[in-house]
Amino acid sequence: MVAVDEAQQGPKPNQPPTTPVFDRKYANRTLVLFAVLAASVMYIEIMLTPSLPKISSDYHINSAQASLILSLYTVFGTAINPIVGKMGDMYGKKRILTYVLVAYCVTVTATSFAPNYTTLLITRTFQGIGLGIFPLAFSLVREEFPRDLIPRAQGMVSAMFGAGIALGLPVGAFVANAFGWQANYHIATPFVIVLTIIIVYTVKESIYRNPKAKMDYVGAGLLGLALALIVLGLSQGADWGWYSVPVIGMMVSGALVFVPLVMYERRRSDPLLNFKQLAVRNVLVSNIIGIVVGIGMLLAFTSIVYQLENPKPAGYSFDIFTAGLYLLPMALTMLVVMLPVGIMISKIGTKPFLFAGGIIGAIGFLMLSTVTKAIQIPEYLIVASVGMAMLMASMQNLLVLSVKPQEMGLQTAMNTVFRNVGSSLGAPISGSILSTFTFIVILSSGTYHLPTETAFKYTYYVAALAFFLAFVAAFFAREVIGKKAKSELIGTNPGTSGDSL
């Protein structure tokens, strides 16, 4: 994007920037760079998943405790994301992205040297700052392309999520199987450091600023506390008893924290949770679907990994690498589907893919609940992953095409927050179900409490229900692009998200 010199320094407060000129060469370079960054971060985040049973064995923890490695990471990311997004709007998205990348590299390095479960849990939790990379990157990409090309750009970045997963599952599993799960971090961290340096020297700063915005640290803290209490309660329910005082106390306390959070946010002039903006039709629909995608993906990853790697008769007794190969078709399908969906959205619109994604995802998870042999898992996962890919690509486009550029950082960050809420709930829900419905197996290597077939079925039922709710939510979306967009947007400003529900 080429703009006048004043715009490069950011617009004056409350003044719109000079209308930019589309620079295709720079925009494409930036798109490729952020796409590679997205793939790299997703690789780092997903490569640990096939190793969860091994980590459980090494640290003598159960599946519910292992799920905290995934869920507390997203809880911290949920709390920090709105702050990162708003700071990007205030001080410049590229500047804040640089700070986030540096912090991410430090925490990833610390995680790779964690000597025990407690240290791993702490460093992995703070690694959640990396989730702030995505809203800032999405916002910068959004600013570099004209409106009609945004879905293609978003489609490519979203497709690289699939690429990161496609690499992270088999390659991460292979490395973990041969050299230990820590080796994955040692290999990936230098690559992210190089990308950070390239971004610092090649990416231009955003021309959109909102310098008068105020930070809401109290709101972020209350949101993180509420989610942390609920996640801890879900993860410990099977061990401590679902009706025990600590479990009920944590979950009730977490729910009650939302009361002062809502009261506090409604009084603020510049809140973290702007309920007026969150109530806007397309923003609300995007955030609901974000929760669904987060729940579905984490349920799938955690449950299927244990189903593949647990010893018979509870599982299929696969090693880490074989389990990664069985998950590879899902990742490849997401990679293949996302890019063409991003292209077709320009002509067809977002709503058809929201509908299709919800139904196809629900069908895929229902099919997984009927699995009787291992080969069916990748086959049925392909169906579920088509739905996930459609939802992710269309959800992101529905949001970025509905909000003002000046609010892009915060709104995309909030969407990531809702997706992270789903992820932080999906992992402990799966872990708690797998830890609750168990039976004892005595093998030569020891005595095991393993999930029953019913436990796996229930996790897939929950995921199917979540995707069906996404299908229902899509009915309330207002089309923002394609042939039907003009008729649906009559009387609204395309840059203001449409009307409220």
Foldseek 3Di string as FASTA:
>chain_A
DDFDPVLLVADDAPDDGDDDDADPVLLVVLLVLLLVVLLLVLLLLQLCLLCLVVLCVVQVHALLLSLLLQQLLLLLLLLCLLVLLQCCQAPWLLVSLLVLLVQLLVLLVQLLPDPHDVSNSVSSNSNSSNLNNPLSSLLLSLVNDPLLCSLLSLLSSQLSSLVSLLCNLQVSLVCCLVPNNSVSSVVSSVVSVVSSVCSVPRPGTHSHHNNVADDDNVLSVLSSQLLVLLLVLLSCCLPQPVPDPSSVVSNVVSVVSVVVSVVVQVPDPRHLCPVQLCQQQLLVLLLLLLLLLLLLVLLLSSLQSQQDCPDPPSHVNDGSNVSSVLCNLLSVLLSVQRNVLSVCCQAAFLLVLLLQLLQQLLQLLLQVLVDDDSNVSSVSSSSNSNSSSSSVSSSSSSQSQQAASSCSSSSSSNSSSSNSSSNSVNSSNLSSLQSNAWDWDQDPVGIDTGGHSVSSSVSSNVSSVSSNVSNVSSVRRQTRHHDCNVVSQVPHDSHNRHGGD
